[in-house]
């Protein structure tokens, strides 16, 4: 397989992954996951607001607790965005 064919295959995979992730995000399970992530992040931030400022271990733990759900949402959004870019690249390839 040529390098160009490999790149095209990678674009197809990325476009499909983006479409799959968009379908998941719109699904009931995806919406529940998103809501849970937002709730967990907000709960960690509420705890962080009242933690003893002299307790760096708890502060770091709560910062991590808030960051993980945010990362999960960001990863989903990035996969969707990468899929859209790949889809655009595929369309550009077809027109040239």
PDB file of N, CA and C in Angstrom:
ATOM      1  N   UNK A   1       0.841  -1.173   0.000  1.00  0.00           N
ATOM      2  CA  UNK A   1       0.000   0.000   0.000  1.00  0.00           C
ATOM      3  C   UNK A   1       0.894   1.246   0.000  1.00  0.00           C
ATOM      4  N   UNK A   2       0.542   2.216  -0.825  1.00  0.00           N
ATOM      5  CA  UNK A   2       1.356   3.427  -0.913  1.00  0.00           C
ATOM      6  C   UNK A   2       1.101   4.322   0.302  1.00  0.00           C
ATOM      7  N   UNK A   3       1.990   5.281   0.484  1.00  0.00           N
ATOM      8  CA  UNK A   3       1.837   6.226   1.594  1.00  0.00           C
ATOM      9  C   UNK A   3       0.533   7.012   1.455  1.00  0.00           C
ATOM     10  N   UNK A   4       0.205   7.374   0.230  1.00  0.00           N
ATOM     11  CA  UNK A   4      -1.035   8.114  -0.026  1.00  0.00           C
ATOM     12  C   UNK A   4      -2.264   7.276   0.342  1.00  0.00           C
ATOM     13  N   UNK A   5      -2.215   5.992   0.007  1.00  0.00           N
ATOM     14  CA  UNK A   5      -3.316   5.094   0.359  1.00  0.00           C
ATOM     15  C   UNK A   5      -3.430   4.935   1.872  1.00  0.00           C
ATOM     16  N   UNK A   6      -2.292   4.849   2.548  1.00  0.00           N
ATOM     17  CA  UNK A   6      -2.275   4.743   4.009  1.00  0.00           C
ATOM     18  C   UNK A   6      -2.892   5.989   4.638  1.00  0.00           C
ATOM     19  N   UNK A   7      -2.523   7.155   4.120  1.00  0.00           N
ATOM     20  CA  UNK A   7      -3.064   8.417   4.635  1.00  0.00           C
ATOM     21  C   UNK A   7      -4.574   8.478   4.423  1.00  0.00           C
ATOM     22  N   UNK A   8      -5.026   8.034   3.251  1.00  0.00           N
ATOM     23  CA  UNK A   8      -6.459   8.033   2.947  1.00  0.00           C
ATOM     24  C   UNK A   8      -7.194   7.084   3.899  1.00  0.00           C
ATOM     25  N   UNK A   9      -6.596   5.927   4.130  1.00  0.00           N
ATOM     26  CA  UNK A   9      -7.184   4.945   5.058  1.00  0.00           C
ATOM     27  C   UNK A   9      -7.284   5.540   6.463  1.00  0.00           C
ATOM     28  N   UNK A  10      -6.258   6.270   6.882  1.00  0.00           N
ATOM     29  CA  UNK A  10      -6.268   6.919   8.193  1.00  0.00           C
ATOM     30  C   UNK A  10      -7.357   7.982   8.260  1.00  0.00           C
ATOM     31  N   UNK A  11      -7.521   8.740   7.172  1.00  0.00           N
ATOM     32  CA  UNK A  11      -8.588   9.743   7.124  1.00  0.00           C
ATOM     33  C   UNK A  11      -9.962   9.096   7.243  1.00  0.00           C
ATOM     34  N   UNK A  12     -10.159   7.999   6.561  1.00  0.00           N
ATOM     35  CA  UNK A  12     -11.440   7.275   6.630  1.00  0.00           C
ATOM     36  C   UNK A  12     -11.709   6.819   8.061  1.00  0.00           C
ATOM     37  N   UNK A  13     -10.688   6.249   8.709  1.00  0.00           N
ATOM     38  CA  UNK A  13     -10.854   5.800  10.102  1.00  0.00           C
ATOM     39  C   UNK A  13     -11.210   6.958  11.010  1.00  0.00           C
ATOM     40  N   UNK A  14     -10.527   8.082  10.834  1.00  0.00           N
ATOM     41  CA  UNK A  14     -10.788   9.261  11.663  1.00  0.00           C
ATOM     42  C   UNK A  14     -12.189   9.807  11.413  1.00  0.00           C
ATOM     43  N   UNK A  15     -12.597   9.857  10.172  1.00  0.00           N
ATOM     44  CA  UNK A  15     -13.946  10.330   9.838  1.00  0.00           C
ATOM     45  C   UNK A  15     -15.004   9.408  10.440  1.00  0.00           C
ATOM     46  N   UNK A  16     -14.786   8.111  10.346  1.00  0.00           N
ATOM     47  CA  UNK A  16     -15.731   7.148  10.920  1.00  0.00           C
ATOM     48  C   UNK A  16     -15.778   7.246  12.440  1.00  0.00           C
ATOM     49  N   UNK A  17     -14.604   7.401  13.062  1.00  0.00           N
ATOM     50  CA  UNK A  17     -14.557   7.533  14.519  1.00  0.00           C
ATOM     51  C   UNK A  17     -15.301   8.795  14.959  1.00  0.00           C
ATOM     52  N   UNK A  18     -15.111   9.874  14.223  1.00  0.00           N
ATOM     53  CA  UNK A  18     -15.820  11.113  14.548  1.00  0.00           C
ATOM     54  C   UNK A  18     -17.325  10.951  14.438  1.00  0.00           C
ATOM     55  N   UNK A  19     -17.764  10.294  13.380  1.00  0.00           N
ATOM     56  CA  UNK A  19     -19.201  10.056  13.199  1.00  0.00           C
ATOM     57  C   UNK A  19     -19.746   9.155  14.303  1.00  0.00           C
ATOM     58  N   UNK A  20     -18.993   8.120  14.640  1.00  0.00           N
ATOM     59  CA  UNK A  20     -19.411   7.223  15.729  1.00  0.00           C
ATOM     60  C   UNK A  20     -19.515   7.980  17.051  1.00  0.00           C
ATOM     61  N   UNK A  21     -18.528   8.828  17.316  1.00  0.00           N
ATOM     62  CA  UNK A  21     -18.519   9.563  18.573  1.00  0.00           C
ATOM     63  C   UNK A  21     -19.648  10.582  18.618  1.00  0.00           C
ATOM     64  N   UNK A  22     -19.943  11.205  17.486  1.00  0.00           N
ATOM     65  CA  UNK A  22     -21.067  12.145  17.428  1.00  0.00           C
ATOM     66  C   UNK A  22     -22.372  11.414  17.704  1.00  0.00           C
ATOM     67  N   UNK A  23     -22.529  10.228  17.130  1.00  0.00           N
ATOM     68  CA  UNK A  23     -23.716   9.418  17.384  1.00  0.00           C
ATOM     69  C   UNK A  23     -23.807   9.073  18.869  1.00  0.00           C
ATOM     70  N   UNK A  24     -22.669   8.693  19.457  1.00  0.00           N
ATOM     71  CA  UNK A  24     -22.654   8.383  20.889  1.00  0.00           C
ATOM     72  C   UNK A  24     -23.016   9.613  21.714  1.00  0.00           C
ATOM     73  N   UNK A  25     -22.418  10.756  21.388  1.00  0.00           N
ATOM     74  CA  UNK A  25     -22.669  11.978  22.164  1.00  0.00           C
ATOM     75  C   UNK A  25     -24.150  12.342  22.164  1.00  0.00           C
ATOM     76  N   UNK A  26     -24.827  12.106  21.049  1.00  0.00           N
ATOM     77  CA  UNK A  26     -26.255  12.431  20.947  1.00  0.00           C
ATOM     78  C   UNK A  26     -27.155  11.360  21.556  1.00  0.00           C
ATOM     79  N   UNK A  27     -26.576  10.186  21.818  1.00  0.00           N
ATOM     80  CA  UNK A  27     -27.377   9.089  22.364  1.00  0.00           C
ATOM     81  C   UNK A  27     -27.726   9.346  23.825  1.00  0.00           C
ATOM     82  N   UNK A  28     -28.674   8.580  24.323  1.00  0.00           N
ATOM     83  CA  UNK A  28     -29.054   8.673  25.730  1.00  0.00           C
ATOM     84  C   UNK A  28     -27.847   8.417  26.630  1.00  0.00           C
ATOM     85  N   UNK A  29     -27.079   7.388  26.329  1.00  0.00           N
ATOM     86  CA  UNK A  29     -25.894   7.064  27.133  1.00  0.00           C
ATOM     87  C   UNK A  29     -24.878   8.204  27.094  1.00  0.00           C
ATOM     88  N   UNK A  30     -24.665   8.783  25.919  1.00  0.00           N
ATOM     89  CA  UNK A  30     -23.730   9.891  25.788  1.00  0.00           C
ATOM     90  C   UNK A  30     -24.178  11.111  26.571  1.00  0.00           C
ATOM     91  N   UNK A  31     -25.457  11.396  26.542  1.00  0.00           N
ATOM     92  CA  UNK A  31     -25.983  12.533  27.295  1.00  0.00           C
ATOM     93  C   UNK A  31     -25.882  12.307  28.797  1.00  0.00           C
ATOM     94  N   UNK A  32     -26.126  11.079  29.219  1.00  0.00           N
ATOM     95  CA  UNK A  32     -25.989  10.749  30.645  1.00  0.00           C
ATOM     96  C   UNK A  32     -24.532  10.867  31.074  1.00  0.00           C
ATOM     97  N   UNK A  33     -23.622  10.361  30.255  1.00  0.00           N
ATOM     98  CA  UNK A  33     -22.195  10.465  30.567  1.00  0.00           C
ATOM     99  C   UNK A  33     -21.767  11.927  30.675  1.00  0.00           C
ATOM    100  N   UNK A  34     -22.204  12.744  29.732  1.00  0.00           N
ATOM    101  CA  UNK A  34     -21.858  14.165  29.758  1.00  0.00           C
ATOM    102  C   UNK A  34     -22.387  14.826  31.031  1.00  0.00           C
ATOM    103  N   UNK A  35     -23.639  14.557  31.362  1.00  0.00           N
ATOM    104  CA  UNK A  35     -24.236  15.150  32.570  1.00  0.00           C
ATOM    105  C   UNK A  35     -23.493  14.696  33.825  1.00  0.00           C
ATOM    106  N   UNK A  36     -23.151  13.423  33.882  1.00  0.00           N
ATOM    107  CA  UNK A  36     -22.404  12.890  35.030  1.00  0.00           C
ATOM    108  C   UNK A  36     -21.040  13.548  35.140  1.00  0.00           C
ATOM    109  N   UNK A  37     -20.361  13.735  34.015  1.00  0.00           N
ATOM    110  CA  UNK A  37     -19.043  14.379  34.026  1.00  0.00           C
ATOM    111  C   UNK A  37     -19.156  15.815  34.533  1.00  0.00           C
ATOM    112  N   UNK A  38     -20.160  16.536  34.070  1.00  0.00           N
ATOM    113  CA  UNK A  38     -20.356  17.923  34.510  1.00  0.00           C
ATOM    114  C   UNK A  38     -20.654  17.961  36.011  1.00  0.00           C
ATOM    115  N   UNK A  39     -21.521  17.075  36.466  1.00  0.00           N
ATOM    116  CA  UNK A  39     -21.855  17.023  37.894  1.00  0.00           C
ATOM    117  C   UNK A  39     -20.634  16.689  38.746  1.00  0.00           C
ATOM    118  N   UNK A  40     -19.853  15.711  38.321  1.00  0.00           N
ATOM    119  CA  UNK A  40     -18.661  15.326  39.078  1.00  0.00           C
ATOM    120  C   UNK A  40     -17.647  16.460  39.132  1.00  0.00           C
ATOM    121  N   UNK A  41     -17.458  17.141  38.012  1.00  0.00           N
ATOM    122  CA  UNK A  41     -16.531  18.273  37.992  1.00  0.00           C
ATOM    123  C   UNK A  41     -17.020  19.365  38.948  1.00  0.00           C
ATOM    124  N   UNK A  42     -18.295  19.695  38.882  1.00  0.00           N
ATOM    125  CA  UNK A  42     -18.837  20.745  39.739  1.00  0.00           C
ATOM    126  C   UNK A  42     -18.730  20.370  41.218  1.00  0.00           C
ATOM    127  N   UNK A  43     -18.964  19.119  41.532  1.00  0.00           N
ATOM    128  CA  UNK A  43     -18.852  18.670  42.926  1.00  0.00           C
ATOM    129  C   UNK A  43     -17.416  18.810  43.420  1.00  0.00           C
ATOM    130  N   UNK A  44     -16.460  18.433  42.607  1.00  0.00           N
ATOM    131  CA  UNK A  44     -15.048  18.569  42.987  1.00  0.00           C
ATOM    132  C   UNK A  44     -14.688  20.040  43.177  1.00  0.00           C
ATOM    133  N   UNK A  45     -15.204  20.907  42.321  1.00  0.00           N
ATOM    134  CA  UNK A  45     -14.920  22.336  42.445  1.00  0.00           C
ATOM    135  C   UNK A  45     -15.571  22.928  43.693  1.00  0.00           C
ATOM    136  N   UNK A  46     -16.773  22.438  44.046  1.00  0.00           N
ATOM    137  CA  UNK A  46     -17.416  22.892  45.291  1.00  0.00           C
ATOM    138  C   UNK A  46     -16.570  22.504  46.499  1.00  0.00           C
ATOM    139  N   UNK A  47     -16.067  21.280  46.493  1.00  0.00           N
ATOM    140  CA  UNK A  47     -15.199  20.827  47.591  1.00  0.00           C
ATOM    141  C   UNK A  47     -13.910  21.633  47.626  1.00  0.00           C
ATOM    142  N   UNK A  48     -13.366  21.919  46.460  1.00  0.00           N
ATOM    143  CA  UNK A  48     -12.120  22.672  46.372  1.00  0.00           C
ATOM    144  C   UNK A  48     -12.282  24.089  46.934  1.00  0.00           C
ATOM    145  N   UNK A  49     -13.467  24.656  46.793  1.00  0.00           N
ATOM    146  CA  UNK A  49     -13.710  26.014  47.277  1.00  0.00           C
ATOM    147  C   UNK A  49     -13.639  26.117  48.796  1.00  0.00           C
ATOM    148  N   UNK A  50     -13.853  25.014  49.480  1.00  0.00           N
ATOM    149  CA  UNK A  50     -13.886  25.069  50.950  1.00  0.00           C
ATOM    150  C   UNK A  50     -12.767  24.277  51.617  1.00  0.00           C
ATOM    151  N   UNK A  51     -11.861  23.730  50.828  1.00  0.00           N
ATOM    152  CA  UNK A  51     -10.777  22.938  51.402  1.00  0.00           C
ATOM    153  C   UNK A  51      -9.788  23.854  52.119  1.00  0.00           C
ATOM    154  N   UNK A  52      -9.161  23.322  53.120  1.00  0.00           N
ATOM    155  CA  UNK A  52      -8.130  24.060  53.857  1.00  0.00           C
ATOM    156  C   UNK A  52      -6.992  24.404  52.907  1.00  0.00           C
ATOM    157  N   UNK A  53      -6.681  25.681  52.734  1.00  0.00           N
ATOM    158  CA  UNK A  53      -5.613  26.071  51.802  1.00  0.00           C
ATOM    159  C   UNK A  53      -4.239  25.553  52.223  1.00  0.00           C
ATOM    160  N   UNK A  54      -4.109  25.106  53.448  1.00  0.00           N
ATOM    161  CA  UNK A  54      -2.834  24.562  53.927  1.00  0.00           C
ATOM    162  C   UNK A  54      -2.751  23.054  53.708  1.00  0.00           C
ATOM    163  N   UNK A  55      -3.698  22.485  52.957  1.00  0.00           N
ATOM    164  CA  UNK A  55      -3.749  21.029  52.719  1.00  0.00           C
ATOM    165  C   UNK A  55      -3.479  20.744  51.235  1.00  0.00           C
ATOM    166  N   UNK A  56      -2.207  20.770  50.834  1.00  0.00           N
ATOM    167  CA  UNK A  56      -1.899  20.602  49.407  1.00  0.00           C
ATOM    168  C   UNK A  56      -2.272  19.229  48.852  1.00  0.00           C
ATOM    169  N   UNK A  57      -2.252  18.206  49.675  1.00  0.00           N
ATOM    170  CA  UNK A  57      -2.596  16.853  49.198  1.00  0.00           C
ATOM    171  C   UNK A  57      -4.057  16.809  48.769  1.00  0.00           C
ATOM    172  N   UNK A  58      -4.934  17.331  49.604  1.00  0.00           N
ATOM    173  CA  UNK A  58      -6.367  17.348  49.270  1.00  0.00           C
ATOM    174  C   UNK A  58      -6.636  18.269  48.092  1.00  0.00           C
ATOM    175  N   UNK A  59      -5.960  19.400  48.050  1.00  0.00           N
ATOM    176  CA  UNK A  59      -6.133  20.337  46.931  1.00  0.00           C
ATOM    177  C   UNK A  59      -5.781  19.658  45.616  1.00  0.00           C
ATOM    178  N   UNK A  60      -4.632  18.988  45.586  1.00  0.00           N
ATOM    179  CA  UNK A  60      -4.223  18.301  44.347  1.00  0.00           C
ATOM    180  C   UNK A  60      -5.207  17.191  43.980  1.00  0.00           C
ATOM    181  N   UNK A  61      -5.676  16.455  44.969  1.00  0.00           N
ATOM    182  CA  UNK A  61      -6.633  15.372  44.702  1.00  0.00           C
ATOM    183  C   UNK A  61      -7.925  15.931  44.112  1.00  0.00           C
ATOM    184  N   UNK A  62      -8.405  17.038  44.661  1.00  0.00           N
ATOM    185  CA  UNK A  62      -9.639  17.636  44.152  1.00  0.00           C
ATOM    186  C   UNK A  62      -9.436  18.269  42.776  1.00  0.00           C
ATOM    187  N   UNK A  63      -8.268  18.829  42.539  1.00  0.00           N
ATOM    188  CA  UNK A  63      -7.979  19.363  41.202  1.00  0.00           C
ATOM    189  C   UNK A  63      -8.016  18.240  40.171  1.00  0.00           C
ATOM    190  N   UNK A  64      -7.450  17.102  40.507  1.00  0.00           N
ATOM    191  CA  UNK A  64      -7.475  15.951  39.611  1.00  0.00           C
ATOM    192  C   UNK A  64      -8.902  15.448  39.426  1.00  0.00           C
ATOM    193  N   UNK A  65      -9.645  15.387  40.516  1.00  0.00           N
ATOM    194  CA  UNK A  65     -11.035  14.934  40.471  1.00  0.00           C
ATOM    195  C   UNK A  65     -11.877  15.828  39.550  1.00  0.00           C
ATOM    196  N   UNK A  66     -11.563  17.115  39.516  1.00  0.00           N
ATOM    197  CA  UNK A  66     -12.288  18.039  38.635  1.00  0.00           C
ATOM    198  C   UNK A  66     -11.798  17.928  37.190  1.00  0.00           C
ATOM    199  N   UNK A  67     -10.518  17.649  37.009  1.00  0.00           N
ATOM    200  CA  UNK A  67      -9.933  17.634  35.664  1.00  0.00           C
ATOM    201  C   UNK A  67     -10.329  16.407  34.857  1.00  0.00           C
ATOM    202  N   UNK A  68     -10.455  15.269  35.489  1.00  0.00           N
ATOM    203  CA  UNK A  68     -10.716  14.028  34.749  1.00  0.00           C
ATOM    204  C   UNK A  68     -12.036  14.085  33.974  1.00  0.00           C
ATOM    205  N   UNK A  69     -13.140  14.483  34.582  1.00  0.00           N
ATOM    206  CA  UNK A  69     -14.380  14.562  33.788  1.00  0.00           C
ATOM    207  C   UNK A  69     -14.270  15.566  32.644  1.00  0.00           C
ATOM    208  N   UNK A  70     -13.587  16.690  32.887  1.00  0.00           N
ATOM    209  CA  UNK A  70     -13.394  17.695  31.849  1.00  0.00           C
ATOM    210  C   UNK A  70     -12.602  17.103  30.684  1.00  0.00           C
ATOM    211  N   UNK A  71     -11.597  16.294  31.008  1.00  0.00           N
ATOM    212  CA  UNK A  71     -10.798  15.646  29.966  1.00  0.00           C
ATOM    213  C   UNK A  71     -11.645  14.684  29.133  1.00  0.00           C
ATOM    214  N   UNK A  72     -12.500  13.933  29.787  1.00  0.00           N
ATOM    215  CA  UNK A  72     -13.347  12.982  29.060  1.00  0.00           C
ATOM    216  C   UNK A  72     -14.219  13.702  28.039  1.00  0.00           C
ATOM    217  N   UNK A  73     -14.818  14.805  28.453  1.00  0.00           N
ATOM    218  CA  UNK A  73     -15.651  15.589  27.531  1.00  0.00           C
ATOM    219  C   UNK A  73     -14.792  16.136  26.396  1.00  0.00           C
ATOM    220  N   UNK A  74     -13.609  16.643  26.734  1.00  0.00           N
ATOM    221  CA  UNK A  74     -12.720  17.200  25.708  1.00  0.00           C
ATOM    222  C   UNK A  74     -12.290  16.136  24.705  1.00  0.00           C
ATOM    223  N   UNK A  75     -11.989  14.934  25.188  1.00  0.00           N
ATOM    224  CA  UNK A  75     -11.573  13.863  24.270  1.00  0.00           C
ATOM    225  C   UNK A  75     -12.682  13.536  23.281  1.00  0.00           C
ATOM    226  N   UNK A  76     -13.901  13.470  23.761  1.00  0.00           N
ATOM    227  CA  UNK A  76     -15.036  13.195  22.872  1.00  0.00           C
ATOM    228  C   UNK A  76     -15.141  14.298  21.815  1.00  0.00           C
ATOM    229  N   UNK A  77     -15.061  15.545  22.263  1.00  0.00           N
ATOM    230  CA  UNK A  77     -15.159  16.676  21.329  1.00  0.00           C
ATOM    231  C   UNK A  77     -14.004  16.680  20.326  1.00  0.00           C
ATOM    232  N   UNK A  78     -12.797  16.331  20.777  1.00  0.00           N
ATOM    233  CA  UNK A  78     -11.639  16.298  19.875  1.00  0.00           C
ATOM    234  C   UNK A  78     -11.794  15.218  18.805  1.00  0.00           C
ATOM    235  N   UNK A  79     -12.294  14.060  19.188  1.00  0.00           N
ATOM    236  CA  UNK A  79     -12.490  12.977  18.217  1.00  0.00           C
ATOM    237  C   UNK A  79     -13.515  13.402  17.166  1.00  0.00           C
ATOM    238  N   UNK A  80     -14.575  14.066  17.610  1.00  0.00           N
ATOM    239  CA  UNK A  80     -15.590  14.555  16.669  1.00  0.00           C
ATOM    240  C   UNK A  80     -14.980  15.593  15.729  1.00  0.00           C
ATOM    241  N   UNK A  81     -14.221  16.527  16.282  1.00  0.00           N
ATOM    242  CA  UNK A  81     -13.583  17.570  15.468  1.00  0.00           C
ATOM    243  C   UNK A  81     -12.595  16.960  14.474  1.00  0.00           C
ATOM    244  N   UNK A  82     -11.781  16.014  14.915  1.00  0.00           N
ATOM    245  CA  UNK A  82     -10.823  15.358  14.020  1.00  0.00           C
ATOM    246  C   UNK A  82     -11.552  14.628  12.902  1.00  0.00           C
ATOM    247  N   UNK A  83     -12.690  14.048  13.234  1.00  0.00           N
ATOM    248  CA  UNK A  83     -13.498  13.376  12.222  1.00  0.00           C
ATOM    249  C   UNK A  83     -14.026  14.342  11.181  1.00  0.00           C
ATOM    250  N   UNK A  84     -14.450  15.520  11.629  1.00  0.00           N
ATOM    251  CA  UNK A  84     -14.933  16.540  10.703  1.00  0.00           C
ATOM    252  C   UNK A  84     -13.813  17.019   9.783  1.00  0.00           C
ATOM    253  N   UNK A  85     -12.633  17.225  10.347  1.00  0.00           N
ATOM    254  CA  UNK A  85     -11.485  17.650   9.541  1.00  0.00           C
ATOM    255  C   UNK A  85     -11.139  16.562   8.518  1.00  0.00           C
ATOM    256  N   UNK A  86     -11.149  15.311   8.958  1.00  0.00           N
ATOM    257  CA  UNK A  86     -10.852  14.197   8.046  1.00  0.00           C
ATOM    258  C   UNK A  86     -11.888  14.117   6.936  1.00  0.00           C
ATOM    259  N   UNK A  87     -13.149  14.297   7.303  1.00  0.00           N
ATOM    260  CA  UNK A  87     -14.224  14.268   6.315  1.00  0.00           C
ATOM    261  C   UNK A  87     -14.020  15.367   5.270  1.00  0.00           C
ATOM    262  N   UNK A  88     -13.653  16.552   5.723  1.00  0.00           N
ATOM    263  CA  UNK A  88     -13.377  17.660   4.811  1.00  0.00           C
ATOM    264  C   UNK A  88     -12.199  17.311   3.901  1.00  0.00           C
ATOM    265  N   UNK A  89     -11.149  16.733   4.467  1.00  0.00           N
ATOM    266  CA  UNK A  89      -9.969  16.352   3.675  1.00  0.00           C
ATOM    267  C   UNK A  89     -10.321  15.308   2.628  1.00  0.00           C
ATOM    268  N   UNK A  90     -11.179  14.374   2.991  1.00  0.00           N
ATOM    269  CA  UNK A  90     -11.619  13.345   2.037  1.00  0.00           C
ATOM    270  C   UNK A  90     -12.382  13.999   0.889  1.00  0.00           C
ATOM    271  N   UNK A  91     -13.270  14.920   1.219  1.00  0.00           N
ATOM    272  CA  UNK A  91     -14.032  15.616   0.193  1.00  0.00           C
ATOM    273  C   UNK A  91     -13.116  16.421  -0.714  1.00  0.00           C
ATOM    274  N   UNK A  92     -12.115  17.065  -0.126  1.00  0.00           N
ATOM    275  CA  UNK A  92     -11.143  17.836  -0.921  1.00  0.00           C
ATOM    276  C   UNK A  92     -10.378  16.915  -1.862  1.00  0.00           C
ATOM    277  N   UNK A  93     -10.044  15.728  -1.390  1.00  0.00           N
ATOM    278  CA  UNK A  93      -9.314  14.750  -2.211  1.00  0.00           C
ATOM    279  C   UNK A  93     -10.162  14.323  -3.414  1.00  0.00           C
ATOM    280  N   UNK A  94     -11.457  14.168  -3.194  1.00  0.00           N
ATOM    281  CA  UNK A  94     -12.352  13.741  -4.273  1.00  0.00           C
ATOM    282  C   UNK A  94     -12.525  14.808  -5.353  1.00  0.00           C
ATOM    283  N   UNK A  95     -12.424  16.076  -4.960  1.00  0.00           N
ATOM    284  CA  UNK A  95     -12.648  17.151  -5.920  1.00  0.00           C
ATOM    285  C   UNK A  95     -11.395  17.568  -6.664  1.00  0.00           C
ATOM    286  N   UNK A  96     -10.254  17.041  -6.248  1.00  0.00           N
ATOM    287  CA  UNK A  96      -9.008  17.407  -6.941  1.00  0.00           C
ATOM    288  C   UNK A  96      -8.531  16.324  -7.874  1.00  0.00           C
TER     289      UNK A  96
END
